[in-house]
Amino acid sequence: MVTGQASLKRNGVQDFVTIRGTAIIMVAFAIFMGGFFVCTPEVTFEIWKDLFSNLAMKVFTFAALVSIMLHVRIGMWQVLTDYVKAPGLRAFIQFILNLIAFVYVAVGLFVLWGV
């Protein structure tokens, strides 16, 4: 029996795991940044630049940006599936939101690696 393992379509379990995984990464990033602001008495441009010039911080920030994009894609798909019944309108709104999420990551990556 052939299963859909090689399919490009998502399933509920994959969405569930992705949402939880991305949430963990976003919370870890938020806790780290909160700790940074609490433990740093004065945040200057030099301190901020030094923080984000570290390769580990760039990777962590990029993981957070991609996590936000994936979280938004799945979350908005779930909300739009429930509340927007017209398939054409729903597809258009999903396209626009996915485009915005992608641009968000692309601009974040451009800014992040420009440091």
PDB file of N, CA and C in Angstrom:
ATOM      1  N   MET A   1       0.847  -1.175   0.000  1.00  0.00           N
ATOM      2  CA  MET A   1       0.000   0.000   0.000  1.00  0.00           C
ATOM      3  C   MET A   1       0.897   1.244   0.000  1.00  0.00           C
ATOM      4  N   VAL A   2       0.591   2.184  -0.867  1.00  0.00           N
ATOM      5  CA  VAL A   2       1.372   3.410  -0.991  1.00  0.00           C
ATOM      6  C   VAL A   2       0.764   4.461  -0.070  1.00  0.00           C
ATOM      7  N   THR A   3       1.618   5.088   0.719  1.00  0.00           N
ATOM      8  CA  THR A   3       1.143   6.160   1.597  1.00  0.00           C
ATOM      9  C   THR A   3       1.618   7.494   1.060  1.00  0.00           C
ATOM     10  N   GLY A   4       1.127   8.557   1.647  1.00  0.00           N
ATOM     11  CA  GLY A   4       1.451   9.904   1.188  1.00  0.00           C
ATOM     12  C   GLY A   4       2.729  10.453   1.794  1.00  0.00           C
ATOM     13  N   GLN A   5       3.702   9.642   2.106  1.00  0.00           N
ATOM     14  CA  GLN A   5       4.915  10.120   2.757  1.00  0.00           C
ATOM     15  C   GLN A   5       5.747  11.020   1.846  1.00  0.00           C
ATOM     16  N   ALA A   6       5.702  10.798   0.556  1.00  0.00           N
ATOM     17  CA  ALA A   6       6.488  11.610  -0.373  1.00  0.00           C
ATOM     18  C   ALA A   6       5.685  12.793  -0.909  1.00  0.00           C
ATOM     19  N   SER A   7       4.497  12.970  -0.403  1.00  0.00           N
ATOM     20  CA  SER A   7       3.626  14.034  -0.878  1.00  0.00           C
ATOM     21  C   SER A   7       4.089  15.396  -0.355  1.00  0.00           C
ATOM     22  N   LEU A   8       3.781  16.430  -1.099  1.00  0.00           N
ATOM     23  CA  LEU A   8       4.096  17.789  -0.673  1.00  0.00           C
ATOM     24  C   LEU A   8       3.010  18.375   0.220  1.00  0.00           C
ATOM     25  N   LYS A   9       1.893  17.666   0.358  1.00  0.00           N
ATOM     26  CA  LYS A   9       0.811  18.153   1.202  1.00  0.00           C
ATOM     27  C   LYS A   9       1.142  17.936   2.670  1.00  0.00           C
ATOM     28  N   ARG A  10       0.627  18.834   3.487  1.00  0.00           N
ATOM     29  CA  ARG A  10       0.829  18.703   4.926  1.00  0.00           C
ATOM     30  C   ARG A  10      -0.276  17.832   5.512  1.00  0.00           C
ATOM     31  N   ASN A  11      -0.024  17.378   6.731  1.00  0.00           N
ATOM     32  CA  ASN A  11      -1.089  16.715   7.461  1.00  0.00           C
ATOM     33  C   ASN A  11      -1.176  17.334   8.852  1.00  0.00           C
ATOM     34  N   GLY A  12      -2.164  16.927   9.621  1.00  0.00           N
ATOM     35  CA  GLY A  12      -2.400  17.534  10.924  1.00  0.00           C
ATOM     36  C   GLY A  12      -1.259  17.327  11.898  1.00  0.00           C
ATOM     37  N   VAL A  13      -0.669  16.149  11.898  1.00  0.00           N
ATOM     38  CA  VAL A  13       0.433  15.869  12.819  1.00  0.00           C
ATOM     39  C   VAL A  13       1.637  16.735  12.476  1.00  0.00           C
ATOM     40  N   GLN A  14       1.944  16.849  11.195  1.00  0.00           N
ATOM     41  CA  GLN A  14       3.076  17.677  10.777  1.00  0.00           C
ATOM     42  C   GLN A  14       2.842  19.147  11.151  1.00  0.00           C
ATOM     43  N   ASP A  15       1.633  19.641  10.958  1.00  0.00           N
ATOM     44  CA  ASP A  15       1.313  21.014  11.353  1.00  0.00           C
ATOM     45  C   ASP A  15       1.449  21.191  12.861  1.00  0.00           C
ATOM     46  N   PHE A  16       0.949  20.218  13.627  1.00  0.00           N
ATOM     47  CA  PHE A  16       1.013  20.281  15.081  1.00  0.00           C
ATOM     48  C   PHE A  16       2.467  20.347  15.560  1.00  0.00           C
ATOM     49  N   VAL A  17       3.299  19.469  15.032  1.00  0.00           N
ATOM     50  CA  VAL A  17       4.709  19.433  15.434  1.00  0.00           C
ATOM     51  C   VAL A  17       5.422  20.715  15.000  1.00  0.00           C
ATOM     52  N   THR A  18       5.129  21.206  13.800  1.00  0.00           N
ATOM     53  CA  THR A  18       5.761  22.426  13.311  1.00  0.00           C
ATOM     54  C   THR A  18       5.374  23.628  14.164  1.00  0.00           C
ATOM     55  N   ILE A  19       4.097  23.747  14.485  1.00  0.00           N
ATOM     56  CA  ILE A  19       3.641  24.868  15.323  1.00  0.00           C
ATOM     57  C   ILE A  19       4.320  24.815  16.687  1.00  0.00           C
ATOM     58  N   ARG A  20       4.401  23.629  17.285  1.00  0.00           N
ATOM     59  CA  ARG A  20       5.021  23.519  18.608  1.00  0.00           C
ATOM     60  C   ARG A  20       6.520  23.779  18.537  1.00  0.00           C
ATOM     61  N   GLY A  21       7.178  23.258  17.525  1.00  0.00           N
ATOM     62  CA  GLY A  21       8.622  23.471  17.373  1.00  0.00           C
ATOM     63  C   GLY A  21       8.965  24.933  17.142  1.00  0.00           C
ATOM     64  N   THR A  22       8.201  25.586  16.275  1.00  0.00           N
ATOM     65  CA  THR A  22       8.461  27.000  16.018  1.00  0.00           C
ATOM     66  C   THR A  22       8.159  27.841  17.249  1.00  0.00           C
ATOM     67  N   ALA A  23       7.132  27.463  18.010  1.00  0.00           N
ATOM     68  CA  ALA A  23       6.807  28.194  19.235  1.00  0.00           C
ATOM     69  C   ALA A  23       7.948  28.084  20.244  1.00  0.00           C
ATOM     70  N   ILE A  24       8.561  26.919  20.344  1.00  0.00           N
ATOM     71  CA  ILE A  24       9.685  26.738  21.272  1.00  0.00           C
ATOM     72  C   ILE A  24      10.852  27.635  20.869  1.00  0.00           C
ATOM     73  N   ILE A  25      11.154  27.686  19.584  1.00  0.00           N
ATOM     74  CA  ILE A  25      12.258  28.533  19.116  1.00  0.00           C
ATOM     75  C   ILE A  25      11.950  30.006  19.374  1.00  0.00           C
ATOM     76  N   MET A  26      10.707  30.433  19.107  1.00  0.00           N
ATOM     77  CA  MET A  26      10.353  31.841  19.328  1.00  0.00           C
ATOM     78  C   MET A  26      10.392  32.205  20.809  1.00  0.00           C
ATOM     79  N   VAL A  27       9.940  31.316  21.670  1.00  0.00           N
ATOM     80  CA  VAL A  27       9.983  31.589  23.112  1.00  0.00           C
ATOM     81  C   VAL A  27      11.435  31.636  23.591  1.00  0.00           C
ATOM     82  N   ALA A  28      12.270  30.718  23.104  1.00  0.00           N
ATOM     83  CA  ALA A  28      13.682  30.731  23.495  1.00  0.00           C
ATOM     84  C   ALA A  28      14.343  32.038  23.070  1.00  0.00           C
ATOM     85  N   PHE A  29      14.033  32.510  21.868  1.00  0.00           N
ATOM     86  CA  PHE A  29      14.600  33.776  21.394  1.00  0.00           C
ATOM     87  C   PHE A  29      14.105  34.941  22.249  1.00  0.00           C
ATOM     88  N   ALA A  30      12.812  34.943  22.560  1.00  0.00           N
ATOM     89  CA  ALA A  30      12.252  36.023  23.381  1.00  0.00           C
ATOM     90  C   ALA A  30      12.862  36.018  24.779  1.00  0.00           C
ATOM     91  N   ILE A  31      13.049  34.847  25.370  1.00  0.00           N
ATOM     92  CA  ILE A  31      13.667  34.761  26.700  1.00  0.00           C
ATOM     93  C   ILE A  31      15.113  35.244  26.635  1.00  0.00           C
ATOM     94  N   PHE A  32      15.830  34.833  25.597  1.00  0.00           N
ATOM     95  CA  PHE A  32      17.217  35.279  25.454  1.00  0.00           C
ATOM     96  C   PHE A  32      17.293  36.795  25.330  1.00  0.00           C
ATOM     97  N   MET A  33      16.461  37.369  24.468  1.00  0.00           N
ATOM     98  CA  MET A  33      16.493  38.813  24.278  1.00  0.00           C
ATOM     99  C   MET A  33      16.052  39.542  25.549  1.00  0.00           C
ATOM    100  N   GLY A  34      15.052  39.019  26.238  1.00  0.00           N
ATOM    101  CA  GLY A  34      14.635  39.621  27.504  1.00  0.00           C
ATOM    102  C   GLY A  34      15.765  39.583  28.527  1.00  0.00           C
ATOM    103  N   GLY A  35      16.443  38.444  28.609  1.00  0.00           N
ATOM    104  CA  GLY A  35      17.589  38.334  29.510  1.00  0.00           C
ATOM    105  C   GLY A  35      18.708  39.290  29.130  1.00  0.00           C
ATOM    106  N   PHE A  36      18.919  39.458  27.838  1.00  0.00           N
ATOM    107  CA  PHE A  36      19.941  40.410  27.377  1.00  0.00           C
ATOM    108  C   PHE A  36      19.619  41.812  27.848  1.00  0.00           C
ATOM    109  N   PHE A  37      18.370  42.239  27.686  1.00  0.00           N
ATOM    110  CA  PHE A  37      17.995  43.590  28.090  1.00  0.00           C
ATOM    111  C   PHE A  37      18.025  43.768  29.602  1.00  0.00           C
ATOM    112  N   VAL A  38      17.677  42.719  30.340  1.00  0.00           N
ATOM    113  CA  VAL A  38      17.703  42.810  31.799  1.00  0.00           C
ATOM    114  C   VAL A  38      19.140  42.856  32.314  1.00  0.00           C
ATOM    115  N   CYS A  39      20.025  42.054  31.717  1.00  0.00           N
ATOM    116  CA  CYS A  39      21.405  41.947  32.203  1.00  0.00           C
ATOM    117  C   CYS A  39      22.338  43.015  31.658  1.00  0.00           C
ATOM    118  N   THR A  40      21.917  43.735  30.639  1.00  0.00           N
ATOM    119  CA  THR A  40      22.773  44.779  30.066  1.00  0.00           C
ATOM    120  C   THR A  40      22.303  46.129  30.593  1.00  0.00           C
ATOM    121  N   PRO A  41      23.141  46.798  31.383  1.00  0.00           N
ATOM    122  CA  PRO A  41      22.691  48.054  31.998  1.00  0.00           C
ATOM    123  C   PRO A  41      22.419  49.161  30.982  1.00  0.00           C
ATOM    124  N   GLU A  42      23.236  49.238  29.941  1.00  0.00           N
ATOM    125  CA  GLU A  42      23.042  50.268  28.924  1.00  0.00           C
ATOM    126  C   GLU A  42      23.277  49.638  27.560  1.00  0.00           C
ATOM    127  N   VAL A  43      22.277  49.692  26.718  1.00  0.00           N
ATOM    128  CA  VAL A  43      22.395  49.119  25.382  1.00  0.00           C
ATOM    129  C   VAL A  43      22.771  50.234  24.420  1.00  0.00           C
ATOM    130  N   THR A  44      23.988  50.147  23.911  1.00  0.00           N
ATOM    131  CA  THR A  44      24.462  51.121  22.927  1.00  0.00           C
ATOM    132  C   THR A  44      24.544  50.438  21.569  1.00  0.00           C
ATOM    133  N   PHE A  45      24.797  51.224  20.555  1.00  0.00           N
ATOM    134  CA  PHE A  45      24.925  50.659  19.215  1.00  0.00           C
ATOM    135  C   PHE A  45      26.056  49.646  19.142  1.00  0.00           C
ATOM    136  N   GLU A  46      27.163  49.939  19.809  1.00  0.00           N
ATOM    137  CA  GLU A  46      28.314  49.024  19.768  1.00  0.00           C
ATOM    138  C   GLU A  46      27.982  47.689  20.417  1.00  0.00           C
ATOM    139  N   ILE A  47      27.290  47.728  21.555  1.00  0.00           N
ATOM    140  CA  ILE A  47      26.894  46.484  22.231  1.00  0.00           C
ATOM    141  C   ILE A  47      25.913  45.708  21.358  1.00  0.00           C
ATOM    142  N   TRP A  48      24.958  46.415  20.779  1.00  0.00           N
ATOM    143  CA  TRP A  48      23.959  45.780  19.909  1.00  0.00           C
ATOM    144  C   TRP A  48      24.634  45.159  18.682  1.00  0.00           C
ATOM    145  N   LYS A  49      25.564  45.885  18.090  1.00  0.00           N
ATOM    146  CA  LYS A  49      26.280  45.387  16.922  1.00  0.00           C
ATOM    147  C   LYS A  49      27.140  44.182  17.280  1.00  0.00           C
ATOM    148  N   ASP A  50      27.818  44.236  18.431  1.00  0.00           N
ATOM    149  CA  ASP A  50      28.619  43.097  18.876  1.00  0.00           C
ATOM    150  C   ASP A  50      27.759  41.855  19.106  1.00  0.00           C
ATOM    151  N   LEU A  51      26.567  42.057  19.661  1.00  0.00           N
ATOM    152  CA  LEU A  51      25.677  40.922  19.898  1.00  0.00           C
ATOM    153  C   LEU A  51      25.304  40.246  18.584  1.00  0.00           C
ATOM    154  N   PHE A  52      24.921  41.041  17.596  1.00  0.00           N
ATOM    155  CA  PHE A  52      24.439  40.464  16.343  1.00  0.00           C
ATOM    156  C   PHE A  52      25.550  40.167  15.337  1.00  0.00           C
ATOM    157  N   SER A  53      26.781  40.509  15.638  1.00  0.00           N
ATOM    158  CA  SER A  53      27.869  40.135  14.734  1.00  0.00           C
ATOM    159  C   SER A  53      28.382  38.725  15.021  1.00  0.00           C
ATOM    160  N   ASN A  54      27.968  38.150  16.133  1.00  0.00           N
ATOM    161  CA  ASN A  54      28.334  36.778  16.482  1.00  0.00           C
ATOM    162  C   ASN A  54      27.585  35.796  15.579  1.00  0.00           C
ATOM    163  N   LEU A  55      28.274  34.808  15.038  1.00  0.00           N
ATOM    164  CA  LEU A  55      27.651  33.847  14.123  1.00  0.00           C
ATOM    165  C   LEU A  55      26.522  33.070  14.787  1.00  0.00           C
ATOM    166  N   ALA A  56      26.714  32.679  16.040  1.00  0.00           N
ATOM    167  CA  ALA A  56      25.669  31.929  16.747  1.00  0.00           C
ATOM    168  C   ALA A  56      24.394  32.763  16.875  1.00  0.00           C
ATOM    169  N   MET A  57      24.547  34.059  17.130  1.00  0.00           N
ATOM    170  CA  MET A  57      23.382  34.929  17.251  1.00  0.00           C
ATOM    171  C   MET A  57      22.699  35.115  15.902  1.00  0.00           C
ATOM    172  N   LYS A  58      23.484  35.201  14.848  1.00  0.00           N
ATOM    173  CA  LYS A  58      22.897  35.311  13.512  1.00  0.00           C
ATOM    174  C   LYS A  58      22.082  34.069  13.176  1.00  0.00           C
ATOM    175  N   VAL A  59      22.617  32.909  13.484  1.00  0.00           N
ATOM    176  CA  VAL A  59      21.900  31.650  13.212  1.00  0.00           C
ATOM    177  C   VAL A  59      20.644  31.572  14.069  1.00  0.00           C
ATOM    178  N   PHE A  60      20.756  31.938  15.345  1.00  0.00           N
ATOM    179  CA  PHE A  60      19.611  31.902  16.250  1.00  0.00           C
ATOM    180  C   PHE A  60      18.521  32.872  15.783  1.00  0.00           C
ATOM    181  N   THR A  61      18.914  34.056  15.366  1.00  0.00           N
ATOM    182  CA  THR A  61      17.954  35.038  14.873  1.00  0.00           C
ATOM    183  C   THR A  61      17.307  34.566  13.577  1.00  0.00           C
ATOM    184  N   PHE A  62      18.107  33.979  12.686  1.00  0.00           N
ATOM    185  CA  PHE A  62      17.547  33.458  11.442  1.00  0.00           C
ATOM    186  C   PHE A  62      16.556  32.329  11.726  1.00  0.00           C
ATOM    187  N   ALA A  63      16.889  31.462  12.678  1.00  0.00           N
ATOM    188  CA  ALA A  63      15.961  30.382  13.062  1.00  0.00           C
ATOM    189  C   ALA A  63      14.665  30.975  13.615  1.00  0.00           C
ATOM    190  N   ALA A  64      14.771  32.052  14.384  1.00  0.00           N
ATOM    191  CA  ALA A  64      13.574  32.703  14.914  1.00  0.00           C
ATOM    192  C   ALA A  64      12.741  33.322  13.792  1.00  0.00           C
ATOM    193  N   LEU A  65      13.401  33.947  12.813  1.00  0.00           N
ATOM    194  CA  LEU A  65      12.675  34.539  11.679  1.00  0.00           C
ATOM    195  C   LEU A  65      11.949  33.470  10.862  1.00  0.00           C
ATOM    196  N   VAL A  66      12.627  32.369  10.581  1.00  0.00           N
ATOM    197  CA  VAL A  66      12.000  31.281   9.820  1.00  0.00           C
ATOM    198  C   VAL A  66      10.868  30.661  10.637  1.00  0.00           C
ATOM    199  N   SER A  67      11.062  30.557  11.946  1.00  0.00           N
ATOM    200  CA  SER A  67      10.009  30.019  12.810  1.00  0.00           C
ATOM    201  C   SER A  67       8.772  30.901  12.781  1.00  0.00           C
ATOM    202  N   ILE A  68       8.984  32.205  12.807  1.00  0.00           N
ATOM    203  CA  ILE A  68       7.840  33.125  12.727  1.00  0.00           C
ATOM    204  C   ILE A  68       7.118  32.941  11.395  1.00  0.00           C
ATOM    205  N   MET A  69       7.878  32.812  10.306  1.00  0.00           N
ATOM    206  CA  MET A  69       7.266  32.631   8.993  1.00  0.00           C
ATOM    207  C   MET A  69       6.431  31.349   8.951  1.00  0.00           C
ATOM    208  N   LEU A  70       6.989  30.241   9.413  1.00  0.00           N
ATOM    209  CA  LEU A  70       6.258  28.972   9.390  1.00  0.00           C
ATOM    210  C   LEU A  70       5.043  29.020  10.309  1.00  0.00           C
ATOM    211  N   HIS A  71       5.213  29.624  11.469  1.00  0.00           N
ATOM    212  CA  HIS A  71       4.117  29.741  12.429  1.00  0.00           C
ATOM    213  C   HIS A  71       2.967  30.556  11.834  1.00  0.00           C
ATOM    214  N   VAL A  72       3.313  31.653  11.176  1.00  0.00           N
ATOM    215  CA  VAL A  72       2.294  32.499  10.537  1.00  0.00           C
ATOM    216  C   VAL A  72       1.604  31.746   9.407  1.00  0.00           C
ATOM    217  N   ARG A  73       2.383  31.047   8.586  1.00  0.00           N
ATOM    218  CA  ARG A  73       1.791  30.325   7.452  1.00  0.00           C
ATOM    219  C   ARG A  73       0.750  29.314   7.916  1.00  0.00           C
ATOM    220  N   ILE A  74       1.107  28.514   8.898  1.00  0.00           N
ATOM    221  CA  ILE A  74       0.181  27.475   9.358  1.00  0.00           C
ATOM    222  C   ILE A  74      -0.978  28.097  10.131  1.00  0.00           C
ATOM    223  N   GLY A  75      -0.680  29.042  11.006  1.00  0.00           N
ATOM    224  CA  GLY A  75      -1.739  29.671  11.790  1.00  0.00           C
ATOM    225  C   GLY A  75      -2.745  30.408  10.933  1.00  0.00           C
ATOM    226  N   MET A  76      -2.263  31.161   9.958  1.00  0.00           N
ATOM    227  CA  MET A  76      -3.179  31.899   9.084  1.00  0.00           C
ATOM    228  C   MET A  76      -3.967  30.952   8.176  1.00  0.00           C
ATOM    229  N   TRP A  77      -3.334  29.852   7.759  1.00  0.00           N
ATOM    230  CA  TRP A  77      -4.059  28.866   6.962  1.00  0.00           C
ATOM    231  C   TRP A  77      -5.222  28.298   7.778  1.00  0.00           C
ATOM    232  N   GLN A  78      -4.976  28.008   9.062  1.00  0.00           N
ATOM    233  CA  GLN A  78      -6.031  27.464   9.905  1.00  0.00           C
ATOM    234  C   GLN A  78      -7.145  28.476  10.125  1.00  0.00           C
ATOM    235  N   VAL A  79      -6.787  29.718  10.377  1.00  0.00           N
ATOM    236  CA  VAL A  79      -7.795  30.753  10.607  1.00  0.00           C
ATOM    237  C   VAL A  79      -8.585  31.020   9.334  1.00  0.00           C
ATOM    238  N   LEU A  80      -7.879  31.162   8.211  1.00  0.00           N
ATOM    239  CA  LEU A  80      -8.583  31.448   6.955  1.00  0.00           C
ATOM    240  C   LEU A  80      -9.467  30.287   6.520  1.00  0.00           C
ATOM    241  N   THR A  81      -9.046  29.061   6.773  1.00  0.00           N
ATOM    242  CA  THR A  81      -9.870  27.903   6.416  1.00  0.00           C
ATOM    243  C   THR A  81     -11.176  27.915   7.212  1.00  0.00           C
ATOM    244  N   ASP A  82     -11.109  28.371   8.456  1.00  0.00           N
ATOM    245  CA  ASP A  82     -12.308  28.412   9.293  1.00  0.00           C
ATOM    246  C   ASP A  82     -13.235  29.578   8.942  1.00  0.00           C
ATOM    247  N   TYR A  83     -12.674  30.742   8.600  1.00  0.00           N
ATOM    248  CA  TYR A  83     -13.492  31.950   8.506  1.00  0.00           C
ATOM    249  C   TYR A  83     -13.693  32.506   7.104  1.00  0.00           C
ATOM    250  N   VAL A  84     -12.882  32.134   6.140  1.00  0.00           N
ATOM    251  CA  VAL A  84     -13.070  32.627   4.768  1.00  0.00           C
ATOM    252  C   VAL A  84     -13.491  31.427   3.916  1.00  0.00           C
ATOM    253  N   LYS A  85     -14.747  31.398   3.555  1.00  0.00           N
ATOM    254  CA  LYS A  85     -15.296  30.226   2.859  1.00  0.00           C
ATOM    255  C   LYS A  85     -15.093  30.266   1.342  1.00  0.00           C
ATOM    256  N   ALA A  86     -14.945  31.443   0.754  1.00  0.00           N
ATOM    257  CA  ALA A  86     -14.758  31.539  -0.698  1.00  0.00           C
ATOM    258  C   ALA A  86     -13.334  31.104  -1.043  1.00  0.00           C
ATOM    259  N   PRO A  87     -13.189  30.021  -1.827  1.00  0.00           N
ATOM    260  CA  PRO A  87     -11.847  29.493  -2.096  1.00  0.00           C
ATOM    261  C   PRO A  87     -10.925  30.479  -2.816  1.00  0.00           C
ATOM    262  N   GLY A  88     -11.447  31.247  -3.740  1.00  0.00           N
ATOM    263  CA  GLY A  88     -10.615  32.205  -4.473  1.00  0.00           C
ATOM    264  C   GLY A  88     -10.093  33.309  -3.570  1.00  0.00           C
ATOM    265  N   LEU A  89     -10.974  33.852  -2.745  1.00  0.00           N
ATOM    266  CA  LEU A  89     -10.579  34.903  -1.820  1.00  0.00           C
ATOM    267  C   LEU A  89      -9.584  34.370  -0.790  1.00  0.00           C
ATOM    268  N   ARG A  90      -9.858  33.161  -0.287  1.00  0.00           N
ATOM    269  CA  ARG A  90      -8.950  32.556   0.694  1.00  0.00           C
ATOM    270  C   ARG A  90      -7.572  32.328   0.086  1.00  0.00           C
ATOM    271  N   ALA A  91      -7.509  31.852  -1.150  1.00  0.00           N
ATOM    272  CA  ALA A  91      -6.224  31.620  -1.815  1.00  0.00           C
ATOM    273  C   ALA A  91      -5.475  32.938  -2.013  1.00  0.00           C
ATOM    274  N   PHE A  92      -6.196  33.987  -2.376  1.00  0.00           N
ATOM    275  CA  PHE A  92      -5.562  35.294  -2.568  1.00  0.00           C
ATOM    276  C   PHE A  92      -5.004  35.830  -1.249  1.00  0.00           C
ATOM    277  N   ILE A  93      -5.803  35.761  -0.196  1.00  0.00           N
ATOM    278  CA  ILE A  93      -5.344  36.251   1.109  1.00  0.00           C
ATOM    279  C   ILE A  93      -4.150  35.430   1.596  1.00  0.00           C
ATOM    280  N   GLN A  94      -4.200  34.104   1.405  1.00  0.00           N
ATOM    281  CA  GLN A  94      -3.076  33.257   1.797  1.00  0.00           C
ATOM    282  C   GLN A  94      -1.819  33.607   1.012  1.00  0.00           C
ATOM    283  N   PHE A  95      -1.970  33.864  -0.264  1.00  0.00           N
ATOM    284  CA  PHE A  95      -0.827  34.241  -1.096  1.00  0.00           C
ATOM    285  C   PHE A  95      -0.202  35.535  -0.585  1.00  0.00           C
ATOM    286  N   ILE A  96      -1.032  36.535  -0.310  1.00  0.00           N
ATOM    287  CA  ILE A  96      -0.528  37.823   0.169  1.00  0.00           C
ATOM    288  C   ILE A  96       0.169  37.648   1.521  1.00  0.00           C
ATOM    289  N   LEU A  97      -0.427  36.894   2.432  1.00  0.00           N
ATOM    290  CA  LEU A  97       0.180  36.702   3.752  1.00  0.00           C
ATOM    291  C   LEU A  97       1.477  35.899   3.655  1.00  0.00           C
ATOM    292  N   ASN A  98       1.516  34.889   2.790  1.00  0.00           N
ATOM    293  CA  ASN A  98       2.749  34.126   2.594  1.00  0.00           C
ATOM    294  C   ASN A  98       3.837  34.995   1.975  1.00  0.00           C
ATOM    295  N   LEU A  99       3.450  35.863   1.058  1.00  0.00           N
ATOM    296  CA  LEU A  99       4.406  36.781   0.447  1.00  0.00           C
ATOM    297  C   LEU A  99       4.964  37.753   1.491  1.00  0.00           C
ATOM    298  N   ILE A 100       4.096  38.280   2.347  1.00  0.00           N
ATOM    299  CA  ILE A 100       4.535  39.187   3.407  1.00  0.00           C
ATOM    300  C   ILE A 100       5.482  38.466   4.360  1.00  0.00           C
ATOM    301  N   ALA A 101       5.154  37.228   4.727  1.00  0.00           N
ATOM    302  CA  ALA A 101       6.015  36.458   5.633  1.00  0.00           C
ATOM    303  C   ALA A 101       7.373  36.190   4.995  1.00  0.00           C
ATOM    304  N   PHE A 102       7.387  35.871   3.703  1.00  0.00           N
ATOM    305  CA  PHE A 102       8.647  35.634   3.010  1.00  0.00           C
ATOM    306  C   PHE A 102       9.482  36.911   2.934  1.00  0.00           C
ATOM    307  N   VAL A 103       8.850  38.027   2.618  1.00  0.00           N
ATOM    308  CA  VAL A 103       9.561  39.308   2.547  1.00  0.00           C
ATOM    309  C   VAL A 103      10.109  39.671   3.924  1.00  0.00           C
ATOM    310  N   TYR A 104       9.349  39.379   4.971  1.00  0.00           N
ATOM    311  CA  TYR A 104       9.803  39.627   6.338  1.00  0.00           C
ATOM    312  C   TYR A 104      11.107  38.868   6.614  1.00  0.00           C
ATOM    313  N   VAL A 105      11.161  37.607   6.239  1.00  0.00           N
ATOM    314  CA  VAL A 105      12.375  36.808   6.448  1.00  0.00           C
ATOM    315  C   VAL A 105      13.504  37.317   5.552  1.00  0.00           C
ATOM    316  N   ALA A 106      13.200  37.642   4.307  1.00  0.00           N
ATOM    317  CA  ALA A 106      14.245  38.114   3.385  1.00  0.00           C
ATOM    318  C   ALA A 106      14.852  39.426   3.861  1.00  0.00           C
ATOM    319  N   VAL A 107      14.039  40.367   4.294  1.00  0.00           N
ATOM    320  CA  VAL A 107      14.549  41.638   4.796  1.00  0.00           C
ATOM    321  C   VAL A 107      15.314  41.415   6.097  1.00  0.00           C
ATOM    322  N   GLY A 108      14.797  40.557   6.957  1.00  0.00           N
ATOM    323  CA  GLY A 108      15.502  40.246   8.189  1.00  0.00           C
ATOM    324  C   GLY A 108      16.859  39.618   7.929  1.00  0.00           C
ATOM    325  N   LEU A 109      16.911  38.745   6.942  1.00  0.00           N
ATOM    326  CA  LEU A 109      18.182  38.108   6.575  1.00  0.00           C
ATOM    327  C   LEU A 109      19.159  39.129   5.990  1.00  0.00           C
ATOM    328  N   PHE A 110      18.663  40.004   5.162  1.00  0.00           N
ATOM    329  CA  PHE A 110      19.485  41.060   4.577  1.00  0.00           C
ATOM    330  C   PHE A 110      20.065  41.962   5.669  1.00  0.00           C
ATOM    331  N   VAL A 111      19.230  42.367   6.610  1.00  0.00           N
ATOM    332  CA  VAL A 111      19.685  43.230   7.700  1.00  0.00           C
ATOM    333  C   VAL A 111      20.631  42.471   8.625  1.00  0.00           C
ATOM    334  N   LEU A 112      20.286  41.247   8.937  1.00  0.00           N
ATOM    335  CA  LEU A 112      21.074  40.445   9.866  1.00  0.00           C
ATOM    336  C   LEU A 112      22.473  40.177   9.363  1.00  0.00           C
ATOM    337  N   TRP A 113      22.605  39.779   8.102  1.00  0.00           N
ATOM    338  CA  TRP A 113      23.925  39.460   7.569  1.00  0.00           C
ATOM    339  C   TRP A 113      24.651  40.699   7.086  1.00  0.00           C
ATOM    340  N   GLY A 114      24.004  41.866   7.166  1.00  0.00           N
ATOM    341  CA  GLY A 114      24.677  43.100   6.832  1.00  0.00           C
ATOM    342  C   GLY A 114      25.496  43.644   7.977  1.00  0.00           C
ATOM    343  N   VAL A 115      25.330  43.066   9.157  1.00  0.00           N
ATOM    344  CA  VAL A 115      26.076  43.530  10.349  1.00  0.00           C
ATOM    345  C   VAL A 115      27.506  43.078  10.264  1.00  0.00           C
TER     346      VAL A 115
END
